[in-house]
Amino acid sequence: MFKVFIARANIEKFNELISKENDPEKKALLKELLTREEDKLAAALIAISQTGTADEA
């Protein structure tokens, strides 16, 4: 469950940073990091649904 908490917090932070960023290159990098974090969250949620824990994600 800790991985889910961290991923959700990171997603929230990346969304906040993206909304405030004016530099297109930095914004693109933040969007890539956001996508990676969303993938981590999805993997953790799948692990929880299959095993009851996100530790294997």
Protein backbone atom coordinates (compact mmCIF):
# COMPACT_ATOMS: atom_id res chain seq x y z
CA MET A 1 0.00 0.00 0.00
CA PHE A 2 2.97 2.31 0.58
CA LYS A 3 3.83 2.24 -3.15
CA VAL A 4 0.29 3.32 -3.98
CA PHE A 5 0.46 6.20 -1.50
CA ILE A 6 3.81 7.40 -2.86
CA ALA A 7 2.73 7.09 -6.50
CA ARG A 8 -0.47 9.05 -5.87
CA ALA A 9 1.45 11.78 -4.03
CA ASN A 10 3.98 11.98 -6.86
CA ILE A 11 1.23 12.15 -9.48
CA GLU A 12 -0.41 15.00 -7.60
CA LYS A 13 2.91 16.85 -7.36
CA PHE A 14 3.78 16.33 -11.04
CA ASN A 15 0.35 17.63 -12.08
CA GLU A 16 0.91 20.70 -9.92
CA LEU A 17 4.36 21.30 -11.39
CA ILE A 18 3.10 20.82 -14.95
CA SER A 19 0.34 23.38 -14.44
CA LYS A 20 2.88 25.98 -13.24
CA GLU A 21 5.69 25.30 -15.73
CA ASN A 22 6.08 27.64 -18.70
CA ASP A 23 9.18 26.12 -20.31
CA PRO A 24 8.01 23.61 -22.96
CA GLU A 25 11.06 21.36 -22.53
CA LYS A 26 10.68 21.18 -18.76
CA LYS A 27 6.93 20.63 -19.15
CA ALA A 28 7.59 17.74 -21.55
CA LEU A 29 10.02 16.17 -19.06
CA LEU A 30 7.50 16.53 -16.24
CA LYS A 31 4.83 14.89 -18.41
CA GLU A 32 7.18 11.95 -19.07
CA LEU A 33 7.83 11.60 -15.34
CA LEU A 34 4.09 11.79 -14.70
CA THR A 35 3.48 8.99 -17.20
CA ARG A 36 6.11 6.81 -15.52
CA GLU A 37 4.54 7.44 -12.12
CA GLU A 38 1.09 6.59 -13.45
CA ASP A 39 2.54 3.33 -14.77
CA LYS A 40 4.00 2.59 -11.32
CA LEU A 41 0.62 3.22 -9.73
CA ALA A 42 -1.10 0.92 -12.21
CA ALA A 43 1.46 -1.82 -11.54
CA ALA A 44 1.03 -1.45 -7.78
CA LEU A 45 -2.76 -1.62 -8.04
CA ILE A 46 -2.54 -4.73 -10.24
CA ALA A 47 -0.18 -6.34 -7.72
CA ILE A 48 -2.59 -5.57 -4.90
CA SER A 49 -5.51 -7.06 -6.82
CA GLN A 50 -3.53 -10.23 -7.55
CA THR A 51 -1.58 -10.74 -4.35
CA GLY A 52 -3.09 -8.46 -1.72
CA THR A 53 0.14 -6.48 -1.49
CA ALA A 54 2.00 -4.01 -3.68
CA ASP A 55 5.40 -5.24 -2.50
CA GLU A 56 5.95 -7.27 -5.67
CA ALA A 57 5.17 -4.32 -7.97
